[in-house]
Amino acid sequence: VAGNTLSADFPVTAGAYRTTYSGGGDAFVAKLTGGGGLGYSTYL
C-alpha cells in the first residue's frame, strides 16, 4: 500500500529507506504480510 502522509510518527520499520518525515507531506510505501502484519514501511 502506498499514499501520502502528514504524520511525523507514521509507522516505519527499522532499517527502512527513510525513517524520518521530511515535511510538507511525504509519500509512504508499506508492505503488509499475508496475515496483516507490517512487513516494512518507509517514507519517500
Full PDB file with SEQRES, HELIX, SHEET, SSBOND, CRYST1, ORIGX, SCALE, CONECT and MASTER records, all heavy atoms in Angstrom:
SEQRES   1 A   44  VAL ALA GLY ASN THR LEU SER ALA ASP PHE PRO VAL THR          
SEQRES   2 A   44  ALA GLY ALA TYR ARG THR THR TYR SER GLY GLY GLY ASP          
SEQRES   3 A   44  ALA PHE VAL ALA LYS LEU THR GLY GLY GLY GLY LEU GLY          
SEQRES   4 A   44  TYR SER THR TYR LEU                                          
SHEET    1 AA1 3 ALA A   2  THR A   5  0                                        
SHEET    2 AA1 3 ASP A  26  LEU A  32 -1                                        
SHEET    3 AA1 3 LEU A  38  TYR A  43 -1                                        
CRYST1    1.000    1.000    1.000  90.00  90.00  90.00 P 1           1          
ORIGX1      1.000000  0.000000  0.000000        0.00000                         
ORIGX2      0.000000  1.000000  0.000000        0.00000                         
ORIGX3      0.000000  0.000000  1.000000        0.00000                         
SCALE1      1.000000  0.000000  0.000000        0.00000                         
SCALE2      0.000000  1.000000  0.000000        0.00000                         
SCALE3      0.000000  0.000000  1.000000        0.00000                         
ATOM      1  N   VAL A   1       0.855  -1.181   0.000  1.00  0.00           N  
ATOM      2  CA  VAL A   1       0.000   0.000   0.000  1.00  0.00           C  
ATOM      3  C   VAL A   1       0.891   1.231   0.000  1.00  0.00           C  
ATOM      4  O   VAL A   1       1.966   1.250   0.612  1.00  0.00           O  
ATOM      5  CB  VAL A   1      -0.963  -0.005   1.211  1.00  0.00           C  
ATOM      6  CG1 VAL A   1      -0.218  -0.009   2.532  1.00  0.00           C  
ATOM      7  CG2 VAL A   1      -1.931   1.169   1.162  1.00  0.00           C  
ATOM      8  N   ALA A   2       0.471   2.247  -0.728  1.00  0.00           N  
ATOM      9  CA  ALA A   2       1.233   3.494  -0.811  1.00  0.00           C  
ATOM     10  C   ALA A   2       0.261   4.659  -0.789  1.00  0.00           C  
ATOM     11  O   ALA A   2      -0.936   4.508  -1.025  1.00  0.00           O  
ATOM     12  CB  ALA A   2       2.085   3.523  -2.086  1.00  0.00           C  
ATOM     13  N   GLY A   3       0.799   5.833  -0.504  1.00  0.00           N  
ATOM     14  CA  GLY A   3      -0.065   7.008  -0.454  1.00  0.00           C  
ATOM     15  C   GLY A   3       0.694   8.224   0.016  1.00  0.00           C  
ATOM     16  O   GLY A   3       1.867   8.417  -0.315  1.00  0.00           O  
ATOM     17  N   ASN A   4       0.019   9.026   0.817  1.00  0.00           N  
ATOM     18  CA  ASN A   4       0.552  10.303   1.287  1.00  0.00           C  
ATOM     19  C   ASN A   4       0.313  10.414   2.794  1.00  0.00           C  
ATOM     20  O   ASN A   4      -0.736   9.998   3.296  1.00  0.00           O  
ATOM     21  CB  ASN A   4      -0.138  11.454   0.555  1.00  0.00           C  
ATOM     22  CG  ASN A   4       0.136  12.807   1.175  1.00  0.00           C  
ATOM     23  OD1 ASN A   4      -0.659  13.287   1.978  1.00  0.00           O  
ATOM     24  ND2 ASN A   4       1.241  13.431   0.820  1.00  0.00           N  
ATOM     25  N   THR A   5       1.277  10.963   3.508  1.00  0.00           N  
ATOM     26  CA  THR A   5       1.122  11.154   4.947  1.00  0.00           C  
ATOM     27  C   THR A   5       1.611  12.527   5.383  1.00  0.00           C  
ATOM     28  O   THR A   5       2.596  13.052   4.854  1.00  0.00           O  
ATOM     29  CB  THR A   5       1.872  10.062   5.744  1.00  0.00           C  
ATOM     30  OG1 THR A   5       1.727  10.318   7.147  1.00  0.00           O  
ATOM     31  CG2 THR A   5       3.361  10.017   5.384  1.00  0.00           C  
ATOM     32  N   LEU A   6       0.903  13.091   6.333  1.00  0.00           N  
ATOM     33  CA  LEU A   6       1.313  14.321   7.013  1.00  0.00           C  
ATOM     34  C   LEU A   6       1.719  14.022   8.448  1.00  0.00           C  
ATOM     35  O   LEU A   6       1.803  14.936   9.275  1.00  0.00           O  
ATOM     36  CB  LEU A   6       0.173  15.345   6.985  1.00  0.00           C  
ATOM     37  CG  LEU A   6      -0.239  15.860   5.607  1.00  0.00           C  
ATOM     38  CD1 LEU A   6      -1.487  16.736   5.717  1.00  0.00           C  
ATOM     39  CD2 LEU A   6       0.889  16.638   4.956  1.00  0.00           C  
ATOM     40  N   SER A   7       1.969  12.752   8.739  1.00  0.00           N  
ATOM     41  CA  SER A   7       2.283  12.309  10.099  1.00  0.00           C  
ATOM     42  C   SER A   7       3.787  12.145  10.297  1.00  0.00           C  
ATOM     43  O   SER A   7       4.427  11.343   9.611  1.00  0.00           O  
ATOM     44  CB  SER A   7       1.600  10.975  10.403  1.00  0.00           C  
ATOM     45  OG  SER A   7       0.195  11.098  10.375  1.00  0.00           O  
ATOM     46  N   ALA A   8       4.332  12.872  11.263  1.00  0.00           N  
ATOM     47  CA  ALA A   8       5.742  12.706  11.602  1.00  0.00           C  
ATOM     48  C   ALA A   8       5.992  11.393  12.331  1.00  0.00           C  
ATOM     49  O   ALA A   8       7.150  10.958  12.452  1.00  0.00           O  
ATOM     50  CB  ALA A   8       6.217  13.873  12.457  1.00  0.00           C  
ATOM     51  N   ASP A   9       4.901  10.759  12.804  1.00  0.00           N  
ATOM     52  CA  ASP A   9       5.022   9.485  13.508  1.00  0.00           C  
ATOM     53  C   ASP A   9       4.359   8.341  12.728  1.00  0.00           C  
ATOM     54  O   ASP A   9       3.940   7.343  13.321  1.00  0.00           O  
ATOM     55  CB  ASP A   9       4.415   9.585  14.904  1.00  0.00           C  
ATOM     56  CG  ASP A   9       2.932   9.978  14.876  1.00  0.00           C  
ATOM     57  OD1 ASP A   9       2.447  10.439  13.811  1.00  0.00           O  
ATOM     58  OD2 ASP A   9       2.265   9.827  15.905  1.00  0.00           O  
ATOM     59  N   PHE A  10       4.256   8.495  11.395  1.00  0.00           N  
ATOM     60  CA  PHE A  10       3.720   7.390  10.603  1.00  0.00           C  
ATOM     61  C   PHE A  10       4.558   6.145  10.879  1.00  0.00           C  
ATOM     62  O   PHE A  10       5.792   6.229  10.983  1.00  0.00           O  
ATOM     63  CB  PHE A  10       3.768   7.739   9.114  1.00  0.00           C  
ATOM     64  CG  PHE A  10       3.037   6.761   8.238  1.00  0.00           C  
ATOM     65  CD1 PHE A  10       1.682   6.921   7.985  1.00  0.00           C  
ATOM     66  CD2 PHE A  10       3.697   5.677   7.675  1.00  0.00           C  
ATOM     67  CE1 PHE A  10       0.999   6.024   7.178  1.00  0.00           C  
ATOM     68  CE2 PHE A  10       3.024   4.766   6.870  1.00  0.00           C  
ATOM     69  CZ  PHE A  10       1.669   4.936   6.631  1.00  0.00           C  
ATOM     70  N   PRO A  11       3.938   4.967  11.009  1.00  0.00           N  
ATOM     71  CA  PRO A  11       4.713   3.772  11.351  1.00  0.00           C  
ATOM     72  C   PRO A  11       5.702   3.371  10.259  1.00  0.00           C  
ATOM     73  O   PRO A  11       5.298   3.090   9.124  1.00  0.00           O  
ATOM     74  CB  PRO A  11       3.639   2.696  11.556  1.00  0.00           C  
ATOM     75  CG  PRO A  11       2.426   3.203  10.848  1.00  0.00           C  
ATOM     76  CD  PRO A  11       2.490   4.679  10.930  1.00  0.00           C  
ATOM     77  N   VAL A  12       6.973   3.394  10.590  1.00  0.00           N  
ATOM     78  CA  VAL A  12       8.021   2.931   9.683  1.00  0.00           C  
ATOM     79  C   VAL A  12       8.818   1.851  10.409  1.00  0.00           C  
ATOM     80  O   VAL A  12       8.810   1.770  11.634  1.00  0.00           O  
ATOM     81  CB  VAL A  12       8.947   4.078   9.227  1.00  0.00           C  
ATOM     82  CG1 VAL A  12       8.177   5.074   8.370  1.00  0.00           C  
ATOM     83  CG2 VAL A  12       9.573   4.784  10.424  1.00  0.00           C  
ATOM     84  N   THR A  13       9.491   1.018   9.642  1.00  0.00           N  
ATOM     85  CA  THR A  13      10.224  -0.100  10.220  1.00  0.00           C  
ATOM     86  C   THR A  13      11.713   0.209  10.315  1.00  0.00           C  
ATOM     87  O   THR A  13      12.245   1.033   9.567  1.00  0.00           O  
ATOM     88  CB  THR A  13      10.014  -1.370   9.378  1.00  0.00           C  
ATOM     89  OG1 THR A  13      10.250  -1.072   7.995  1.00  0.00           O  
ATOM     90  CG2 THR A  13       8.588  -1.878   9.525  1.00  0.00           C  
ATOM     91  N   ALA A  14      12.370  -0.467  11.257  1.00  0.00           N  
ATOM     92  CA  ALA A  14      13.815  -0.290  11.441  1.00  0.00           C  
ATOM     93  C   ALA A  14      14.552  -0.667  10.158  1.00  0.00           C  
ATOM     94  O   ALA A  14      14.243  -1.674   9.527  1.00  0.00           O  
ATOM     95  CB  ALA A  14      14.295  -1.149  12.603  1.00  0.00           C  
ATOM     96  N   GLY A  15      15.510   0.170   9.788  1.00  0.00           N  
ATOM     97  CA  GLY A  15      16.295  -0.093   8.595  1.00  0.00           C  
ATOM     98  C   GLY A  15      15.622   0.295   7.303  1.00  0.00           C  
ATOM     99  O   GLY A  15      16.139   0.006   6.216  1.00  0.00           O  
ATOM    100  N   ALA A  16      14.453   0.947   7.389  1.00  0.00           N  
ATOM    101  CA  ALA A  16      13.736   1.377   6.189  1.00  0.00           C  
ATOM    102  C   ALA A  16      14.557   2.408   5.417  1.00  0.00           C  
ATOM    103  O   ALA A  16      15.446   3.071   5.967  1.00  0.00           O  
ATOM    104  CB  ALA A  16      12.385   1.957   6.562  1.00  0.00           C  
ATOM    105  N   TYR A  17      14.229   2.567   4.147  1.00  0.00           N  
ATOM    106  CA  TYR A  17      14.939   3.518   3.292  1.00  0.00           C  
ATOM    107  C   TYR A  17      14.966   4.909   3.918  1.00  0.00           C  
ATOM    108  O   TYR A  17      15.997   5.580   3.940  1.00  0.00           O  
ATOM    109  CB  TYR A  17      14.282   3.563   1.924  1.00  0.00           C  
ATOM    110  CG  TYR A  17      14.785   4.678   1.035  1.00  0.00           C  
ATOM    111  CD1 TYR A  17      16.059   4.619   0.478  1.00  0.00           C  
ATOM    112  CD2 TYR A  17      13.995   5.783   0.782  1.00  0.00           C  
ATOM    113  CE1 TYR A  17      16.535   5.647  -0.320  1.00  0.00           C  
ATOM    114  CE2 TYR A  17      14.450   6.819  -0.020  1.00  0.00           C  
ATOM    115  CZ  TYR A  17      15.718   6.747  -0.562  1.00  0.00           C  
ATOM    116  OH  TYR A  17      16.175   7.773  -1.350  1.00  0.00           O  
ATOM    117  N   ARG A  18      13.816   5.370   4.405  1.00  0.00           N  
ATOM    118  CA  ARG A  18      13.760   6.660   5.092  1.00  0.00           C  
ATOM    119  C   ARG A  18      12.853   6.537   6.305  1.00  0.00           C  
ATOM    120  O   ARG A  18      11.678   6.193   6.167  1.00  0.00           O  
ATOM    121  CB  ARG A  18      13.263   7.761   4.158  1.00  0.00           C  
ATOM    122  CG  ARG A  18      13.145   9.122   4.838  1.00  0.00           C  
ATOM    123  CD  ARG A  18      12.919  10.230   3.836  1.00  0.00           C  
ATOM    124  NE  ARG A  18      14.099  10.440   3.010  1.00  0.00           N  
ATOM    125  CZ  ARG A  18      14.100  11.198   1.912  1.00  0.00           C  
ATOM    126  NH1 ARG A  18      12.992  11.791   1.529  1.00  0.00           N  
ATOM    127  NH2 ARG A  18      15.197  11.344   1.209  1.00  0.00           N  
ATOM    128  N   THR A  19      13.372   6.811   7.466  1.00  0.00           N  
ATOM    129  CA  THR A  19      12.614   6.621   8.704  1.00  0.00           C  
ATOM    130  C   THR A  19      12.153   7.931   9.331  1.00  0.00           C  
ATOM    131  O   THR A  19      11.452   7.907  10.348  1.00  0.00           O  
ATOM    132  CB  THR A  19      13.451   5.850   9.736  1.00  0.00           C  
ATOM    133  OG1 THR A  19      14.666   6.569   9.987  1.00  0.00           O  
ATOM    134  CG2 THR A  19      13.776   4.449   9.231  1.00  0.00           C  
ATOM    135  N   THR A  20      12.510   9.063   8.743  1.00  0.00           N  
ATOM    136  CA  THR A  20      12.098  10.352   9.294  1.00  0.00           C  
ATOM    137  C   THR A  20      11.276  11.130   8.277  1.00  0.00           C  
ATOM    138  O   THR A  20      11.514  11.056   7.068  1.00  0.00           O  
ATOM    139  CB  THR A  20      13.322  11.191   9.716  1.00  0.00           C  
ATOM    140  OG1 THR A  20      14.196  11.363   8.606  1.00  0.00           O  
ATOM    141  CG2 THR A  20      14.063  10.508  10.854  1.00  0.00           C  
ATOM    142  N   TYR A  21      10.335  11.897   8.780  1.00  0.00           N  
ATOM    143  CA  TYR A  21       9.428  12.706   7.978  1.00  0.00           C  
ATOM    144  C   TYR A  21      10.145  13.945   7.470  1.00  0.00           C  
ATOM    145  O   TYR A  21      10.811  14.659   8.234  1.00  0.00           O  
ATOM    146  CB  TYR A  21       8.233  13.083   8.852  1.00  0.00           C  
ATOM    147  CG  TYR A  21       7.180  13.937   8.207  1.00  0.00           C  
ATOM    148  CD1 TYR A  21       6.455  13.483   7.116  1.00  0.00           C  
ATOM    149  CD2 TYR A  21       6.872  15.196   8.738  1.00  0.00           C  
ATOM    150  CE1 TYR A  21       5.458  14.265   6.546  1.00  0.00           C  
ATOM    151  CE2 TYR A  21       5.867  15.970   8.177  1.00  0.00           C  
ATOM    152  CZ  TYR A  21       5.174  15.505   7.075  1.00  0.00           C  
ATOM    153  OH  TYR A  21       4.191  16.275   6.524  1.00  0.00           O  
ATOM    154  N   SER A  22      10.026  14.236   6.168  1.00  0.00           N  
ATOM    155  CA  SER A  22      10.744  15.363   5.578  1.00  0.00           C  
ATOM    156  C   SER A  22       9.970  16.674   5.662  1.00  0.00           C  
ATOM    157  O   SER A  22      10.543  17.749   5.483  1.00  0.00           O  
ATOM    158  CB  SER A  22      11.071  15.061   4.110  1.00  0.00           C  
ATOM    159  OG  SER A  22      11.899  13.928   4.005  1.00  0.00           O  
ATOM    160  N   GLY A  23       8.654  16.578   5.900  1.00  0.00           N  
ATOM    161  CA  GLY A  23       7.843  17.779   5.978  1.00  0.00           C  
ATOM    162  C   GLY A  23       7.105  18.071   4.690  1.00  0.00           C  
ATOM    163  O   GLY A  23       7.519  17.644   3.605  1.00  0.00           O  
ATOM    164  N   GLY A  24       6.000  18.777   4.813  1.00  0.00           N  
ATOM    165  CA  GLY A  24       5.226  19.175   3.645  1.00  0.00           C  
ATOM    166  C   GLY A  24       4.324  18.093   3.093  1.00  0.00           C  
ATOM    167  O   GLY A  24       3.601  18.306   2.123  1.00  0.00           O  
ATOM    168  N   GLY A  25       4.351  16.919   3.670  1.00  0.00           N  
ATOM    169  CA  GLY A  25       3.579  15.783   3.175  1.00  0.00           C  
ATOM    170  C   GLY A  25       4.491  14.840   2.404  1.00  0.00           C  
ATOM    171  O   GLY A  25       5.010  15.199   1.345  1.00  0.00           O  
ATOM    172  N   ASP A  26       4.730  13.667   2.948  1.00  0.00           N  
ATOM    173  CA  ASP A  26       5.601  12.686   2.303  1.00  0.00           C  
ATOM    174  C   ASP A  26       4.781  11.561   1.696  1.00  0.00           C  
ATOM    175  O   ASP A  26       3.681  11.247   2.164  1.00  0.00           O  
ATOM    176  CB  ASP A  26       6.564  12.062   3.321  1.00  0.00           C  
ATOM    177  CG  ASP A  26       7.773  12.926   3.590  1.00  0.00           C  
ATOM    178  OD1 ASP A  26       7.871  14.011   2.991  1.00  0.00           O  
ATOM    179  OD2 ASP A  26       8.618  12.510   4.409  1.00  0.00           O  
ATOM    180  N   ALA A  27       5.335  10.934   0.664  1.00  0.00           N  
ATOM    181  CA  ALA A  27       4.801   9.654   0.220  1.00  0.00           C  
ATOM    182  C   ALA A  27       5.216   8.581   1.219  1.00  0.00           C  
ATOM    183  O   ALA A  27       6.169   8.753   1.985  1.00  0.00           O  
ATOM    184  CB  ALA A  27       5.328   9.312  -1.166  1.00  0.00           C  
ATOM    185  N   PHE A  28       4.491   7.471   1.223  1.00  0.00           N  
ATOM    186  CA  PHE A  28       4.910   6.316   2.008  1.00  0.00           C  
ATOM    187  C   PHE A  28       4.673   5.061   1.175  1.00  0.00           C  
ATOM    188  O   PHE A  28       3.817   5.034   0.288  1.00  0.00           O  
ATOM    189  CB  PHE A  28       4.146   6.213   3.338  1.00  0.00           C  
ATOM    190  CG  PHE A  28       2.716   5.782   3.206  1.00  0.00           C  
ATOM    191  CD1 PHE A  28       2.368   4.438   3.144  1.00  0.00           C  
ATOM    192  CD2 PHE A  28       1.700   6.727   3.109  1.00  0.00           C  
ATOM    193  CE1 PHE A  28       1.046   4.043   2.987  1.00  0.00           C  
ATOM    194  CE2 PHE A  28       0.381   6.338   2.956  1.00  0.00           C  
ATOM    195  CZ  PHE A  28       0.045   4.986   2.888  1.00  0.00           C  
ATOM    196  N   VAL A  29       5.433   4.030   1.459  1.00  0.00           N  
ATOM    197  CA  VAL A  29       5.232   2.708   0.882  1.00  0.00           C  
ATOM    198  C   VAL A  29       5.332   1.705   2.013  1.00  0.00           C  
ATOM    199  O   VAL A  29       6.293   1.738   2.788  1.00  0.00           O  
ATOM    200  CB  VAL A  29       6.276   2.386  -0.210  1.00  0.00           C  
ATOM    201  CG1 VAL A  29       6.006   1.010  -0.809  1.00  0.00           C  
ATOM    202  CG2 VAL A  29       6.280   3.446  -1.288  1.00  0.00           C  
ATOM    203  N   ALA A  30       4.352   0.810   2.116  1.00  0.00           N  
ATOM    204  CA  ALA A  30       4.334  -0.183   3.183  1.00  0.00           C  
ATOM    205  C   ALA A  30       3.965  -1.547   2.624  1.00  0.00           C  
ATOM    206  O   ALA A  30       3.202  -1.647   1.660  1.00  0.00           O  
ATOM    207  CB  ALA A  30       3.347   0.219   4.284  1.00  0.00           C  
ATOM    208  N   LYS A  31       4.505  -2.575   3.251  1.00  0.00           N  
ATOM    209  CA  LYS A  31       4.167  -3.956   2.915  1.00  0.00           C  
ATOM    210  C   LYS A  31       3.512  -4.601   4.118  1.00  0.00           C  
ATOM    211  O   LYS A  31       4.043  -4.562   5.227  1.00  0.00           O  
ATOM    212  CB  LYS A  31       5.420  -4.751   2.537  1.00  0.00           C  
ATOM    213  CG  LYS A  31       5.169  -6.229   2.285  1.00  0.00           C  
ATOM    214  CD  LYS A  31       6.475  -6.958   1.984  1.00  0.00           C  
ATOM    215  CE  LYS A  31       6.264  -8.450   1.768  1.00  0.00           C  
ATOM    216  NZ  LYS A  31       7.550  -9.146   1.464  1.00  0.00           N  
ATOM    217  N   LEU A  32       2.326  -5.170   3.904  1.00  0.00           N  
ATOM    218  CA  LEU A  32       1.646  -5.940   4.931  1.00  0.00           C  
ATOM    219  C   LEU A  32       1.761  -7.417   4.567  1.00  0.00           C  
ATOM    220  O   LEU A  32       1.574  -7.790   3.406  1.00  0.00           O  
ATOM    221  CB  LEU A  32       0.175  -5.527   5.039  1.00  0.00           C  
ATOM    222  CG  LEU A  32      -0.091  -4.075   5.443  1.00  0.00           C  
ATOM    223  CD1 LEU A  32      -1.573  -3.755   5.345  1.00  0.00           C  
ATOM    224  CD2 LEU A  32       0.408  -3.806   6.851  1.00  0.00           C  
ATOM    225  N   THR A  33       2.064  -8.242   5.539  1.00  0.00           N  
ATOM    226  CA  THR A  33       2.193  -9.668   5.287  1.00  0.00           C  
ATOM    227  C   THR A  33       0.830 -10.289   5.028  1.00  0.00           C  
ATOM    228  O   THR A  33      -0.215  -9.650   5.237  1.00  0.00           O  
ATOM    229  CB  THR A  33       2.848 -10.365   6.483  1.00  0.00           C  
ATOM    230  OG1 THR A  33       2.001 -10.208   7.644  1.00  0.00           O  
ATOM    231  CG2 THR A  33       4.215  -9.756   6.784  1.00  0.00           C  
ATOM    232  N   GLY A  34       0.836 -11.547   4.579  1.00  0.00           N  
ATOM    233  CA  GLY A  34      -0.418 -12.224   4.262  1.00  0.00           C  
ATOM    234  C   GLY A  34      -1.384 -12.296   5.421  1.00  0.00           C  
ATOM    235  O   GLY A  34      -2.599 -12.412   5.221  1.00  0.00           O  
ATOM    236  N   GLY A  35      -0.878 -12.204   6.651  1.00  0.00           N  
ATOM    237  CA  GLY A  35      -1.745 -12.216   7.827  1.00  0.00           C  
ATOM    238  C   GLY A  35      -2.098 -10.840   8.344  1.00  0.00           C  
ATOM    239  O   GLY A  35      -2.770 -10.706   9.368  1.00  0.00           O  
ATOM    240  N   GLY A  36      -1.648  -9.788   7.662  1.00  0.00           N  
ATOM    241  CA  GLY A  36      -2.000  -8.424   8.058  1.00  0.00           C  
ATOM    242  C   GLY A  36      -0.984  -7.725   8.928  1.00  0.00           C  
ATOM    243  O   GLY A  36      -1.220  -6.605   9.372  1.00  0.00           O  
ATOM    244  N   GLY A  37       0.164  -8.358   9.200  1.00  0.00           N  
ATOM    245  CA  GLY A  37       1.217  -7.690   9.960  1.00  0.00           C  
ATOM    246  C   GLY A  37       2.023  -6.754   9.075  1.00  0.00           C  
ATOM    247  O   GLY A  37       1.950  -6.795   7.847  1.00  0.00           O  
ATOM    248  N   LEU A  38       2.826  -5.909   9.710  1.00  0.00           N  
ATOM    249  CA  LEU A  38       3.629  -4.941   8.965  1.00  0.00           C  
ATOM    250  C   LEU A  38       4.972  -5.561   8.610  1.00  0.00           C  
ATOM    251  O   LEU A  38       5.785  -5.871   9.481  1.00  0.00           O  
ATOM    252  CB  LEU A  38       3.833  -3.666   9.783  1.00  0.00           C  
ATOM    253  CG  LEU A  38       4.528  -2.508   9.059  1.00  0.00           C  
ATOM    254  CD1 LEU A  38       3.690  -2.020   7.883  1.00  0.00           C  
ATOM    255  CD2 LEU A  38       4.799  -1.361  10.028  1.00  0.00           C  
ATOM    256  N   GLY A  39       5.217  -5.747   7.317  1.00  0.00           N  
ATOM    257  CA  GLY A  39       6.487  -6.283   6.851  1.00  0.00           C  
ATOM    258  C   GLY A  39       7.560  -5.220   6.799  1.00  0.00           C  
ATOM    259  O   GLY A  39       8.654  -5.390   7.324  1.00  0.00           O  
ATOM    260  N   TYR A  40       7.254  -4.108   6.148  1.00  0.00           N  
ATOM    261  CA  TYR A  40       8.142  -2.960   6.179  1.00  0.00           C  
ATOM    262  C   TYR A  40       7.335  -1.721   5.822  1.00  0.00           C  
ATOM    263  O   TYR A  40       6.241  -1.794   5.241  1.00  0.00           O  
ATOM    264  CB  TYR A  40       9.349  -3.113   5.248  1.00  0.00           C  
ATOM    265  CG  TYR A  40       9.032  -3.133   3.763  1.00  0.00           C  
ATOM    266  CD1 TYR A  40       8.652  -1.979   3.073  1.00  0.00           C  
ATOM    267  CD2 TYR A  40       9.136  -4.310   3.034  1.00  0.00           C  
ATOM    268  CE1 TYR A  40       8.379  -1.998   1.718  1.00  0.00           C  
ATOM    269  CE2 TYR A  40       8.862  -4.342   1.671  1.00  0.00           C  
ATOM    270  CZ  TYR A  40       8.491  -3.186   1.022  1.00  0.00           C  
ATOM    271  OH  TYR A  40       8.209  -3.220  -0.310  1.00  0.00           O  
ATOM    272  N   SER A  41       7.881  -0.564   6.159  1.00  0.00           N  
ATOM    273  CA  SER A  41       7.227   0.701   5.836  1.00  0.00           C  
ATOM    274  C   SER A  41       8.274   1.795   5.806  1.00  0.00           C  
ATOM    275  O   SER A  41       9.182   1.827   6.648  1.00  0.00           O  
ATOM    276  CB  SER A  41       6.144   1.026   6.875  1.00  0.00           C  
ATOM    277  OG  SER A  41       5.512   2.263   6.588  1.00  0.00           O  
ATOM    278  N   THR A  42       8.172   2.688   4.838  1.00  0.00           N  
ATOM    279  CA  THR A  42       9.144   3.760   4.697  1.00  0.00           C  
ATOM    280  C   THR A  42       8.489   5.044   4.213  1.00  0.00           C  
ATOM    281  O   THR A  42       7.481   5.008   3.506  1.00  0.00           O  
ATOM    282  CB  THR A  42      10.256   3.355   3.706  1.00  0.00           C  
ATOM    283  OG1 THR A  42      11.251   4.380   3.659  1.00  0.00           O  
ATOM    284  CG2 THR A  42       9.712   3.127   2.303  1.00  0.00           C  
ATOM    285  N   TYR A  43       9.040   6.162   4.630  1.00  0.00           N  
ATOM    286  CA  TYR A  43       8.736   7.436   3.991  1.00  0.00           C  
ATOM    287  C   TYR A  43       9.458   7.494   2.649  1.00  0.00           C  
ATOM    288  O   TYR A  43      10.455   6.820   2.424  1.00  0.00           O  
ATOM    289  CB  TYR A  43       9.232   8.602   4.844  1.00  0.00           C  
ATOM    290  CG  TYR A  43       8.500   8.854   6.132  1.00  0.00           C  
ATOM    291  CD1 TYR A  43       9.119   8.596   7.358  1.00  0.00           C  
ATOM    292  CD2 TYR A  43       7.226   9.393   6.143  1.00  0.00           C  
ATOM    293  CE1 TYR A  43       8.478   8.870   8.560  1.00  0.00           C  
ATOM    294  CE2 TYR A  43       6.561   9.667   7.337  1.00  0.00           C  
ATOM    295  CZ  TYR A  43       7.197   9.402   8.541  1.00  0.00           C  
ATOM    296  OH  TYR A  43       6.547   9.659   9.720  1.00  0.00           O  
ATOM    297  N   LEU A  44       8.947   8.380   1.791  1.00  0.00           N  
ATOM    298  CA  LEU A  44       9.587   8.602   0.495  1.00  0.00           C  
ATOM    299  C   LEU A  44       9.233  10.016   0.058  1.00  0.00           C  
ATOM    300  O   LEU A  44       8.058  10.311  -0.195  1.00  0.00           O  
ATOM    301  CB  LEU A  44       9.101   7.581  -0.524  1.00  0.00           C  
ATOM    302  CG  LEU A  44       9.795   7.563  -1.886  1.00  0.00           C  
ATOM    303  CD1 LEU A  44      11.267   7.180  -1.724  1.00  0.00           C  
ATOM    304  CD2 LEU A  44       9.093   6.597  -2.831  1.00  0.00           C  
TER     305      LEU A  44                                                      
MASTER        0    0    0    0    3    0    0    6  304    1    0    4          
END                                                                             
